[in-house]
Amino acid sequence: MATAAAAILVQGALLMLLLFRTGLGARLLRRRAAGGRAGKTELCVARSRFASAMALMLSSGLPFDDALTRAAALVGDSALAPRIEACRADMAAGASFPDALRSHAVFENLQSGLLAAGFRAGVPAQAMSELARRAAEEADARLDRLLARFEYGLVLALCIAVGLVLLTVMLPLLGVLSSVGV
């Protein structure tokens, strides 16, 4: 029984190494996460990073094109990156910043409306700051929910491990007690 448990643990460790230390594993995890709740969480976190970077750069007076280029580099290879690149292309063709973001669904409808209202009112930096704050709150809430689910699984795995340790201690002890005649 101990050999089987050790073999399962070694296979699990090898699988974890494959998933977290190789390019193939990263692609498999990304493909798996893109379809579920983790993919939506990743998108919310990318939106939050993008909005925070844009708010900071717009409030410092950087032009929209430069700010968009630098903020696009921040989100890296997330699901938001192709949308931002399409926005940059639209802005190069003459579209306004809020319209380009709305047409490529960089932000959700309510968030895009807030940004468009801020641009119409002439306070784009403040609108982007408010959008960044709201996006950060949403990303934090989604991460909390995702980690709460992970926590239950971790507690269950630790309970099983403690139970197995108790069994490995108690079963030999019971054998010794039965041979003594107690």
N, C-alpha and C. Protein backbone atom coordinates (compact mmCIF):
# COMPACT_ATOMS: atom_id res chain seq x y z
N MET A 1 0.81 -1.18 0.00
CA MET A 1 0.00 0.00 0.00
C MET A 1 0.86 1.26 0.00
N ALA A 2 1.94 1.24 0.75
CA ALA A 2 2.82 2.40 0.80
C ALA A 2 3.49 2.62 -0.56
N THR A 3 3.80 1.54 -1.27
CA THR A 3 4.41 1.66 -2.59
C THR A 3 3.44 2.31 -3.56
N ALA A 4 2.19 1.92 -3.50
CA ALA A 4 1.18 2.51 -4.38
C ALA A 4 0.99 3.99 -4.08
N ALA A 5 0.95 4.34 -2.80
CA ALA A 5 0.80 5.74 -2.42
C ALA A 5 2.01 6.56 -2.87
N ALA A 6 3.21 5.99 -2.73
CA ALA A 6 4.42 6.70 -3.17
C ALA A 6 4.41 6.89 -4.68
N ALA A 7 3.97 5.85 -5.41
CA ALA A 7 3.90 5.96 -6.87
C ALA A 7 2.91 7.05 -7.30
N ILE A 8 1.78 7.13 -6.61
CA ILE A 8 0.79 8.16 -6.94
C ILE A 8 1.36 9.55 -6.64
N LEU A 9 2.05 9.70 -5.52
CA LEU A 9 2.65 10.98 -5.19
C LEU A 9 3.73 11.39 -6.19
N VAL A 10 4.55 10.44 -6.63
CA VAL A 10 5.59 10.75 -7.62
C VAL A 10 4.94 11.15 -8.94
N GLN A 11 3.89 10.45 -9.36
CA GLN A 11 3.20 10.81 -10.60
C GLN A 11 2.57 12.19 -10.48
N GLY A 12 2.00 12.51 -9.34
CA GLY A 12 1.42 13.84 -9.13
C GLY A 12 2.48 14.92 -9.19
N ALA A 13 3.64 14.66 -8.59
CA ALA A 13 4.73 15.63 -8.62
C ALA A 13 5.24 15.84 -10.05
N LEU A 14 5.35 14.76 -10.81
CA LEU A 14 5.79 14.89 -12.20
C LEU A 14 4.77 15.66 -13.03
N LEU A 15 3.50 15.42 -12.78
CA LEU A 15 2.45 16.15 -13.49
C LEU A 15 2.51 17.64 -13.16
N MET A 16 2.73 17.97 -11.89
CA MET A 16 2.85 19.37 -11.49
C MET A 16 4.05 20.03 -12.16
N LEU A 17 5.17 19.32 -12.21
CA LEU A 17 6.35 19.86 -12.89
C LEU A 17 6.06 20.10 -14.36
N LEU A 18 5.38 19.16 -15.00
CA LEU A 18 5.03 19.32 -16.41
C LEU A 18 4.13 20.53 -16.62
N LEU A 19 3.13 20.68 -15.75
CA LEU A 19 2.18 21.78 -15.93
C LEU A 19 2.78 23.14 -15.64
N PHE A 20 3.62 23.24 -14.62
CA PHE A 20 4.07 24.55 -14.18
C PHE A 20 5.47 24.93 -14.64
N ARG A 21 6.22 24.02 -15.20
CA ARG A 21 7.60 24.33 -15.57
C ARG A 21 7.90 24.19 -17.06
N THR A 22 6.91 23.83 -17.88
CA THR A 22 7.16 23.69 -19.30
C THR A 22 6.20 24.57 -20.09
N GLY A 23 6.58 24.87 -21.32
CA GLY A 23 5.72 25.65 -22.19
C GLY A 23 4.45 24.92 -22.54
N LEU A 24 4.56 23.61 -22.73
CA LEU A 24 3.37 22.80 -23.03
C LEU A 24 2.37 22.86 -21.88
N GLY A 25 2.86 22.76 -20.67
CA GLY A 25 1.98 22.83 -19.51
C GLY A 25 1.32 24.19 -19.38
N ALA A 26 2.08 25.24 -19.66
CA ALA A 26 1.50 26.59 -19.59
C ALA A 26 0.39 26.76 -20.63
N ARG A 27 0.61 26.22 -21.83
CA ARG A 27 -0.44 26.31 -22.86
C ARG A 27 -1.66 25.50 -22.46
N LEU A 28 -1.45 24.32 -21.88
CA LEU A 28 -2.58 23.50 -21.44
C LEU A 28 -3.37 24.20 -20.33
N LEU A 29 -2.67 24.79 -19.37
CA LEU A 29 -3.35 25.50 -18.29
C LEU A 29 -4.10 26.72 -18.81
N ARG A 30 -3.49 27.45 -19.73
CA ARG A 30 -4.14 28.64 -20.28
C ARG A 30 -5.39 28.25 -21.08
N ARG A 31 -5.30 27.18 -21.86
CA ARG A 31 -6.45 26.73 -22.64
C ARG A 31 -7.56 26.26 -21.71
N ARG A 32 -7.21 25.58 -20.63
CA ARG A 32 -8.20 25.11 -19.67
C ARG A 32 -8.85 26.28 -18.93
N ALA A 33 -8.04 27.25 -18.56
CA ALA A 33 -8.56 28.38 -17.80
C ALA A 33 -9.38 29.32 -18.67
N ALA A 34 -9.12 29.40 -19.96
CA ALA A 34 -9.81 30.35 -20.82
C ALA A 34 -11.31 30.07 -20.91
N GLY A 35 -11.70 28.83 -20.75
CA GLY A 35 -13.11 28.50 -20.90
C GLY A 35 -13.92 28.66 -19.64
N GLY A 36 -13.31 28.71 -18.50
CA GLY A 36 -14.07 28.70 -17.25
C GLY A 36 -14.01 30.00 -16.49
N ARG A 37 -14.27 29.90 -15.21
CA ARG A 37 -14.28 31.08 -14.35
C ARG A 37 -12.89 31.68 -14.20
N ALA A 38 -11.87 30.83 -14.26
CA ALA A 38 -10.51 31.36 -14.13
C ALA A 38 -10.17 32.25 -15.30
N GLY A 39 -10.70 31.97 -16.49
CA GLY A 39 -10.47 32.82 -17.65
C GLY A 39 -11.10 34.18 -17.49
N LYS A 40 -12.29 34.23 -16.90
CA LYS A 40 -12.96 35.51 -16.65
C LYS A 40 -12.21 36.29 -15.58
N THR A 41 -11.67 35.59 -14.61
CA THR A 41 -10.88 36.24 -13.57
C THR A 41 -9.62 36.83 -14.16
N GLU A 42 -8.96 36.08 -15.04
CA GLU A 42 -7.75 36.58 -15.69
C GLU A 42 -8.06 37.84 -16.52
N LEU A 43 -9.20 37.82 -17.20
CA LEU A 43 -9.60 38.98 -17.99
C LEU A 43 -9.87 40.18 -17.10
N CYS A 44 -10.51 39.97 -15.95
CA CYS A 44 -10.77 41.07 -15.01
C CYS A 44 -9.47 41.65 -14.46
N VAL A 45 -8.53 40.78 -14.15
CA VAL A 45 -7.24 41.26 -13.64
C VAL A 45 -6.50 42.04 -14.72
N ALA A 46 -6.55 41.55 -15.96
CA ALA A 46 -5.90 42.27 -17.06
C ALA A 46 -6.57 43.63 -17.28
N ARG A 47 -7.90 43.68 -17.20
CA ARG A 47 -8.61 44.96 -17.33
C ARG A 47 -8.18 45.92 -16.23
N SER A 48 -8.05 45.41 -15.02
CA SER A 48 -7.66 46.25 -13.90
C SER A 48 -6.26 46.81 -14.11
N ARG A 49 -5.33 45.97 -14.54
CA ARG A 49 -3.96 46.43 -14.79
C ARG A 49 -3.94 47.48 -15.90
N PHE A 50 -4.67 47.18 -16.97
CA PHE A 50 -4.72 48.10 -18.10
C PHE A 50 -5.31 49.45 -17.68
N ALA A 51 -6.43 49.42 -16.96
CA ALA A 51 -7.08 50.66 -16.55
C ALA A 51 -6.19 51.45 -15.59
N SER A 52 -5.52 50.77 -14.67
CA SER A 52 -4.63 51.47 -13.73
C SER A 52 -3.47 52.13 -14.45
N ALA A 53 -2.89 51.40 -15.39
CA ALA A 53 -1.76 51.96 -16.14
C ALA A 53 -2.21 53.14 -17.00
N MET A 54 -3.37 53.01 -17.64
CA MET A 54 -3.87 54.10 -18.47
C MET A 54 -4.20 55.31 -17.61
N ALA A 55 -4.79 55.11 -16.44
CA ALA A 55 -5.12 56.23 -15.55
C ALA A 55 -3.86 56.96 -15.12
N LEU A 56 -2.84 56.22 -14.77
CA LEU A 56 -1.60 56.83 -14.35
C LEU A 56 -0.95 57.61 -15.48
N MET A 57 -0.93 57.01 -16.67
CA MET A 57 -0.26 57.68 -17.79
C MET A 57 -1.06 58.88 -18.30
N LEU A 58 -2.39 58.76 -18.32
CA LEU A 58 -3.20 59.89 -18.77
C LEU A 58 -3.13 61.06 -17.78
N SER A 59 -3.10 60.74 -16.48
CA SER A 59 -3.01 61.82 -15.49
C SER A 59 -1.64 62.49 -15.52
N SER A 60 -0.63 61.79 -16.02
CA SER A 60 0.70 62.41 -16.12
C SER A 60 0.88 63.17 -17.43
N GLY A 61 -0.13 63.14 -18.32
CA GLY A 61 -0.08 63.94 -19.53
C GLY A 61 0.47 63.23 -20.75
N LEU A 62 0.63 61.93 -20.70
CA LEU A 62 1.12 61.18 -21.85
C LEU A 62 0.05 61.14 -22.93
N PRO A 63 0.40 61.24 -24.19
CA PRO A 63 -0.62 61.14 -25.26
C PRO A 63 -1.26 59.75 -25.28
N PHE A 64 -2.48 59.68 -25.81
CA PHE A 64 -3.24 58.43 -25.81
C PHE A 64 -2.50 57.31 -26.52
N ASP A 65 -1.87 57.62 -27.66
CA ASP A 65 -1.18 56.58 -28.42
C ASP A 65 -0.03 55.96 -27.62
N ASP A 66 0.78 56.82 -27.01
CA ASP A 66 1.90 56.32 -26.21
C ASP A 66 1.40 55.56 -24.99
N ALA A 67 0.39 56.11 -24.33
CA ALA A 67 -0.16 55.44 -23.15
C ALA A 67 -0.74 54.08 -23.51
N LEU A 68 -1.44 54.01 -24.63
CA LEU A 68 -2.03 52.73 -25.05
C LEU A 68 -0.95 51.71 -25.40
N THR A 69 0.11 52.16 -26.03
CA THR A 69 1.22 51.25 -26.38
C THR A 69 1.88 50.69 -25.12
N ARG A 70 2.13 51.56 -24.16
CA ARG A 70 2.80 51.12 -22.93
C ARG A 70 1.88 50.25 -22.07
N ALA A 71 0.60 50.59 -22.03
CA ALA A 71 -0.35 49.78 -21.25
C ALA A 71 -0.56 48.42 -21.90
N ALA A 72 -0.51 48.37 -23.24
CA ALA A 72 -0.64 47.09 -23.94
C ALA A 72 0.52 46.16 -23.59
N ALA A 73 1.71 46.74 -23.42
CA ALA A 73 2.86 45.92 -23.03
C ALA A 73 2.68 45.37 -21.62
N LEU A 74 1.94 46.09 -20.78
CA LEU A 74 1.74 45.64 -19.40
C LEU A 74 0.86 44.40 -19.32
N VAL A 75 -0.18 44.31 -20.15
CA VAL A 75 -1.08 43.15 -20.07
C VAL A 75 -0.47 41.93 -20.73
N GLY A 76 0.62 42.09 -21.47
CA GLY A 76 1.36 40.95 -22.01
C GLY A 76 0.56 40.10 -22.96
N ASP A 77 0.52 38.81 -22.68
CA ASP A 77 -0.15 37.87 -23.59
C ASP A 77 -1.48 37.38 -23.02
N SER A 78 -2.18 38.24 -22.29
CA SER A 78 -3.48 37.87 -21.76
C SER A 78 -4.52 37.93 -22.87
N ALA A 79 -5.74 37.59 -22.53
CA ALA A 79 -6.83 37.62 -23.51
C ALA A 79 -7.18 39.04 -23.92
N LEU A 80 -6.73 40.02 -23.17
CA LEU A 80 -7.03 41.41 -23.47
C LEU A 80 -6.07 42.00 -24.51
N ALA A 81 -4.90 41.42 -24.67
CA ALA A 81 -3.88 41.99 -25.57
C ALA A 81 -4.35 42.12 -27.02
N PRO A 82 -4.98 41.10 -27.62
CA PRO A 82 -5.43 41.29 -29.01
C PRO A 82 -6.49 42.37 -29.15
N ARG A 83 -7.32 42.52 -28.14
CA ARG A 83 -8.35 43.57 -28.17
C ARG A 83 -7.71 44.96 -28.14
N ILE A 84 -6.67 45.10 -27.34
CA ILE A 84 -6.00 46.39 -27.24
C ILE A 84 -5.28 46.71 -28.54
N GLU A 85 -4.68 45.70 -29.16
CA GLU A 85 -4.03 45.92 -30.45
C GLU A 85 -5.04 46.36 -31.50
N ALA A 86 -6.23 45.76 -31.48
CA ALA A 86 -7.28 46.18 -32.42
C ALA A 86 -7.72 47.61 -32.13
N CYS A 87 -7.75 48.00 -30.87
CA CYS A 87 -8.08 49.38 -30.50
C CYS A 87 -7.04 50.35 -31.03
N ARG A 88 -5.78 49.96 -30.93
CA ARG A 88 -4.72 50.82 -31.45
C ARG A 88 -4.86 51.01 -32.94
N ALA A 89 -5.24 49.94 -33.64
CA ALA A 89 -5.44 50.05 -35.09
C ALA A 89 -6.63 50.97 -35.40
N ASP A 90 -7.70 50.85 -34.64
CA ASP A 90 -8.87 51.73 -34.85
C ASP A 90 -8.53 53.19 -34.58
N MET A 91 -7.75 53.42 -33.51
CA MET A 91 -7.37 54.79 -33.20
C MET A 91 -6.46 55.36 -34.28
N ALA A 92 -5.62 54.53 -34.87
CA ALA A 92 -4.77 54.99 -35.97
C ALA A 92 -5.62 55.35 -37.19
N ALA A 93 -6.77 54.68 -37.33
CA ALA A 93 -7.68 54.97 -38.45
C ALA A 93 -8.59 56.16 -38.16
N GLY A 94 -8.53 56.72 -36.94
CA GLY A 94 -9.29 57.92 -36.65
C GLY A 94 -10.40 57.77 -35.62
N ALA A 95 -10.59 56.61 -35.06
CA ALA A 95 -11.64 56.42 -34.05
C ALA A 95 -11.21 57.05 -32.73
N SER A 96 -12.18 57.47 -31.95
CA SER A 96 -11.86 58.03 -30.63
C SER A 96 -11.49 56.90 -29.67
N PHE A 97 -10.83 57.28 -28.60
CA PHE A 97 -10.37 56.29 -27.62
C PHE A 97 -11.53 55.51 -26.99
N PRO A 98 -12.57 56.19 -26.48
CA PRO A 98 -13.68 55.42 -25.88
C PRO A 98 -14.42 54.54 -26.89
N ASP A 99 -14.58 55.04 -28.13
CA ASP A 99 -15.27 54.24 -29.15
C ASP A 99 -14.47 53.00 -29.52
N ALA A 100 -13.15 53.15 -29.61
CA ALA A 100 -12.30 52.01 -29.94
C ALA A 100 -12.34 50.96 -28.83
N LEU A 101 -12.32 51.42 -27.57
CA LEU A 101 -12.39 50.47 -26.46
C LEU A 101 -13.74 49.77 -26.41
N ARG A 102 -14.81 50.52 -26.69
CA ARG A 102 -16.15 49.94 -26.66
C ARG A 102 -16.35 48.94 -27.80
N SER A 103 -15.86 49.27 -28.99
CA SER A 103 -16.10 48.40 -30.14
C SER A 103 -15.36 47.07 -30.03
N HIS A 104 -14.27 47.04 -29.29
CA HIS A 104 -13.52 45.78 -29.14
C HIS A 104 -13.69 45.15 -27.77
N ALA A 105 -14.66 45.63 -27.00
CA ALA A 105 -15.03 45.06 -25.70
C ALA A 105 -13.84 44.92 -24.76
N VAL A 106 -13.03 45.96 -24.72
CA VAL A 106 -11.93 45.96 -23.75
C VAL A 106 -12.49 46.05 -22.34
N PHE A 107 -13.53 46.87 -22.18
CA PHE A 107 -14.24 46.97 -20.91
C PHE A 107 -15.67 46.54 -21.12
N GLU A 108 -16.37 46.26 -20.02
CA GLU A 108 -17.78 45.90 -20.11
C GLU A 108 -18.59 47.16 -20.43
N ASN A 109 -19.85 46.97 -20.77
CA ASN A 109 -20.67 48.09 -21.25
C ASN A 109 -20.76 49.23 -20.24
N LEU A 110 -21.01 48.91 -18.98
CA LEU A 110 -21.12 49.95 -17.96
C LEU A 110 -19.81 50.71 -17.81
N GLN A 111 -18.72 49.98 -17.83
CA GLN A 111 -17.41 50.62 -17.71
C GLN A 111 -17.11 51.49 -18.92
N SER A 112 -17.46 51.01 -20.11
CA SER A 112 -17.25 51.81 -21.32
C SER A 112 -18.10 53.07 -21.30
N GLY A 113 -19.32 52.95 -20.79
CA GLY A 113 -20.18 54.13 -20.67
C GLY A 113 -19.60 55.17 -19.73
N LEU A 114 -19.04 54.72 -18.61
CA LEU A 114 -18.41 55.63 -17.67
C LEU A 114 -17.24 56.35 -18.33
N LEU A 115 -16.44 55.63 -19.08
CA LEU A 115 -15.29 56.22 -19.75
C LEU A 115 -15.74 57.22 -20.82
N ALA A 116 -16.75 56.85 -21.60
CA ALA A 116 -17.25 57.76 -22.63
C ALA A 116 -17.82 59.04 -22.02
N ALA A 117 -18.53 58.90 -20.90
CA ALA A 117 -19.08 60.09 -20.22
C ALA A 117 -17.96 60.98 -19.71
N GLY A 118 -16.92 60.40 -19.20
CA GLY A 118 -15.78 61.19 -18.73
C GLY A 118 -15.09 61.92 -19.86
N PHE A 119 -14.99 61.27 -21.01
CA PHE A 119 -14.37 61.92 -22.15
C PHE A 119 -15.25 63.05 -22.68
N ARG A 120 -16.57 62.86 -22.69
CA ARG A 120 -17.48 63.92 -23.14
C ARG A 120 -17.46 65.10 -22.18
N ALA A 121 -17.28 64.83 -20.90
CA ALA A 121 -17.25 65.89 -19.89
C ALA A 121 -15.90 66.61 -19.86
N GLY A 122 -14.90 66.06 -20.53
CA GLY A 122 -13.59 66.70 -20.58
C GLY A 122 -12.67 66.34 -19.44
N VAL A 123 -12.97 65.24 -18.76
CA VAL A 123 -12.11 64.80 -17.66
C VAL A 123 -11.70 63.32 -17.88
N PRO A 124 -10.93 63.07 -18.92
CA PRO A 124 -10.59 61.67 -19.22
C PRO A 124 -9.73 61.01 -18.15
N ALA A 125 -8.83 61.76 -17.54
CA ALA A 125 -7.94 61.16 -16.53
C ALA A 125 -8.74 60.75 -15.29
N GLN A 126 -9.69 61.59 -14.87
CA GLN A 126 -10.50 61.25 -13.70
C GLN A 126 -11.42 60.07 -14.01
N ALA A 127 -11.97 60.04 -15.21
CA ALA A 127 -12.83 58.91 -15.59
C ALA A 127 -12.04 57.61 -15.62
N MET A 128 -10.83 57.67 -16.14
CA MET A 128 -10.00 56.46 -16.19
C MET A 128 -9.57 56.05 -14.79
N SER A 129 -9.34 57.02 -13.90
CA SER A 129 -9.00 56.69 -12.51
C SER A 129 -10.16 55.99 -11.82
N GLU A 130 -11.37 56.49 -12.02
CA GLU A 130 -12.55 55.86 -11.43
C GLU A 130 -12.76 54.47 -12.02
N LEU A 131 -12.55 54.35 -13.32
CA LEU A 131 -12.68 53.05 -13.97
C LEU A 131 -11.63 52.07 -13.43
N ALA A 132 -10.43 52.55 -13.21
CA ALA A 132 -9.37 51.70 -12.66
C ALA A 132 -9.73 51.23 -11.25
N ARG A 133 -10.31 52.14 -10.44
CA ARG A 133 -10.70 51.76 -9.09
C ARG A 133 -11.78 50.69 -9.12
N ARG A 134 -12.78 50.87 -9.97
CA ARG A 134 -13.86 49.89 -10.06
C ARG A 134 -13.37 48.56 -10.63
N ALA A 135 -12.49 48.62 -11.62
CA ALA A 135 -11.96 47.38 -12.19
C ALA A 135 -11.11 46.63 -11.17
N ALA A 136 -10.36 47.36 -10.34
CA ALA A 136 -9.55 46.72 -9.30
C ALA A 136 -10.44 46.05 -8.26
N GLU A 137 -11.54 46.70 -7.90
CA GLU A 137 -12.47 46.09 -6.94
C GLU A 137 -13.09 44.82 -7.50
N GLU A 138 -13.47 44.86 -8.78
CA GLU A 138 -14.05 43.67 -9.40
C GLU A 138 -13.04 42.54 -9.50
N ALA A 139 -11.80 42.87 -9.87
CA ALA A 139 -10.76 41.85 -9.96
C ALA A 139 -10.47 41.24 -8.59
N ASP A 140 -10.43 42.08 -7.56
CA ASP A 140 -10.20 41.56 -6.21
C ASP A 140 -11.32 40.64 -5.76
N ALA A 141 -12.56 41.02 -6.07
CA ALA A 141 -13.69 40.17 -5.69
C ALA A 141 -13.64 38.83 -6.41
N ARG A 142 -13.31 38.85 -7.70
CA ARG A 142 -13.23 37.59 -8.46
C ARG A 142 -12.09 36.71 -7.95
N LEU A 143 -10.95 37.33 -7.64
CA LEU A 143 -9.83 36.55 -7.10
C LEU A 143 -10.16 35.96 -5.75
N ASP A 144 -10.87 36.71 -4.93
CA ASP A 144 -11.28 36.18 -3.62
C ASP A 144 -12.18 34.97 -3.78
N ARG A 145 -13.14 35.04 -4.72
CA ARG A 145 -14.04 33.90 -4.94
C ARG A 145 -13.27 32.69 -5.47
N LEU A 146 -12.33 32.93 -6.38
CA LEU A 146 -11.54 31.83 -6.94
C LEU A 146 -10.67 31.18 -5.87
N LEU A 147 -10.05 31.99 -5.04
CA LEU A 147 -9.20 31.45 -3.97
C LEU A 147 -10.01 30.76 -2.89
N ALA A 148 -11.23 31.22 -2.66
CA ALA A 148 -12.09 30.54 -1.68
C ALA A 148 -12.40 29.12 -2.13
N ARG A 149 -12.66 28.95 -3.42
CA ARG A 149 -12.89 27.59 -3.94
C ARG A 149 -11.64 26.73 -3.80
N PHE A 150 -10.50 27.31 -4.08
CA PHE A 150 -9.25 26.58 -3.97
C PHE A 150 -8.98 26.19 -2.52
N GLU A 151 -9.36 27.05 -1.60
CA GLU A 151 -9.13 26.80 -0.18
C GLU A 151 -9.88 25.55 0.29
N TYR A 152 -11.12 25.37 -0.16
CA TYR A 152 -11.88 24.18 0.24
C TYR A 152 -11.19 22.90 -0.24
N GLY A 153 -10.70 22.91 -1.45
CA GLY A 153 -9.99 21.74 -1.97
C GLY A 153 -8.72 21.46 -1.19
N LEU A 154 -8.01 22.53 -0.83
CA LEU A 154 -6.78 22.37 -0.07
C LEU A 154 -7.06 21.81 1.33
N VAL A 155 -8.10 22.29 1.98
CA VAL A 155 -8.46 21.77 3.30
C VAL A 155 -8.83 20.30 3.21
N LEU A 156 -9.58 19.93 2.18
CA LEU A 156 -9.95 18.52 1.99
C LEU A 156 -8.72 17.64 1.79
N ALA A 157 -7.78 18.10 0.95
CA ALA A 157 -6.57 17.32 0.71
C ALA A 157 -5.74 17.17 1.98
N LEU A 158 -5.65 18.22 2.78
CA LEU A 158 -4.89 18.13 4.02
C LEU A 158 -5.57 17.22 5.04
N CYS A 159 -6.90 17.21 5.08
CA CYS A 159 -7.61 16.30 5.98
C CYS A 159 -7.35 14.84 5.59
N ILE A 160 -7.36 14.57 4.31
CA ILE A 160 -7.07 13.21 3.83
C ILE A 160 -5.64 12.82 4.19
N ALA A 161 -4.70 13.76 4.02
CA ALA A 161 -3.30 13.46 4.35
C ALA A 161 -3.13 13.18 5.85
N VAL A 162 -3.78 13.96 6.68
CA VAL A 162 -3.70 13.74 8.13
C VAL A 162 -4.32 12.39 8.48
N GLY A 163 -5.44 12.05 7.86
CA GLY A 163 -6.07 10.76 8.10
C GLY A 163 -5.17 9.60 7.72
N LEU A 164 -4.47 9.74 6.57
CA LEU A 164 -3.55 8.67 6.16
C LEU A 164 -2.37 8.54 7.12
N VAL A 165 -1.88 9.65 7.62
CA VAL A 165 -0.78 9.60 8.59
C VAL A 165 -1.25 8.92 9.87
N LEU A 166 -2.45 9.23 10.32
CA LEU A 166 -2.97 8.58 11.52
C LEU A 166 -3.15 7.08 11.30
N LEU A 167 -3.61 6.71 10.12
CA LEU A 167 -3.74 5.27 9.83
C LEU A 167 -2.40 4.57 9.84
N THR A 168 -1.37 5.19 9.27
CA THR A 168 -0.06 4.54 9.24
C THR A 168 0.54 4.42 10.63
N VAL A 169 0.13 5.26 11.57
CA VAL A 169 0.62 5.16 12.94
C VAL A 169 -0.23 4.18 13.74
N MET A 170 -1.52 4.23 13.57
CA MET A 170 -2.43 3.45 14.42
C MET A 170 -2.49 1.97 14.02
N LEU A 171 -2.42 1.66 12.74
CA LEU A 171 -2.52 0.26 12.35
C LEU A 171 -1.37 -0.59 12.89
N PRO A 172 -0.11 -0.16 12.80
CA PRO A 172 0.94 -0.97 13.44
C PRO A 172 0.79 -1.04 14.97
N LEU A 173 0.31 0.05 15.56
CA LEU A 173 0.09 0.05 17.00
C LEU A 173 -0.99 -0.97 17.40
N LEU A 174 -2.04 -1.05 16.60
CA LEU A 174 -3.09 -2.04 16.86
C LEU A 174 -2.55 -3.46 16.70
N GLY A 175 -1.65 -3.66 15.74
CA GLY A 175 -1.05 -4.98 15.57
C GLY A 175 -0.20 -5.37 16.77
N VAL A 176 0.55 -4.42 17.31
CA VAL A 176 1.35 -4.67 18.49
C VAL A 176 0.48 -4.96 19.69
N LEU A 177 -0.59 -4.21 19.86
CA LEU A 177 -1.51 -4.42 20.99
C LEU A 177 -2.22 -5.76 20.88
N SER A 178 -2.60 -6.17 19.70
CA SER A 178 -3.28 -7.48 19.56
C SER A 178 -2.31 -8.64 19.78
N SER A 179 -1.05 -8.48 19.44
CA SER A 179 -0.08 -9.55 19.67
C SER A 179 0.27 -9.68 21.16
N VAL A 180 0.19 -8.60 21.90
CA VAL A 180 0.44 -8.61 23.33
C VAL A 180 -0.72 -9.26 24.05
N GLY A 181 -1.91 -9.11 23.48
CA GLY A 181 -3.08 -9.71 24.08
C GLY A 181 -3.95 -8.74 24.83
N VAL A 182 -3.80 -7.50 24.58
CA VAL A 182 -4.61 -6.50 25.28
C VAL A 182 -5.96 -6.36 24.65
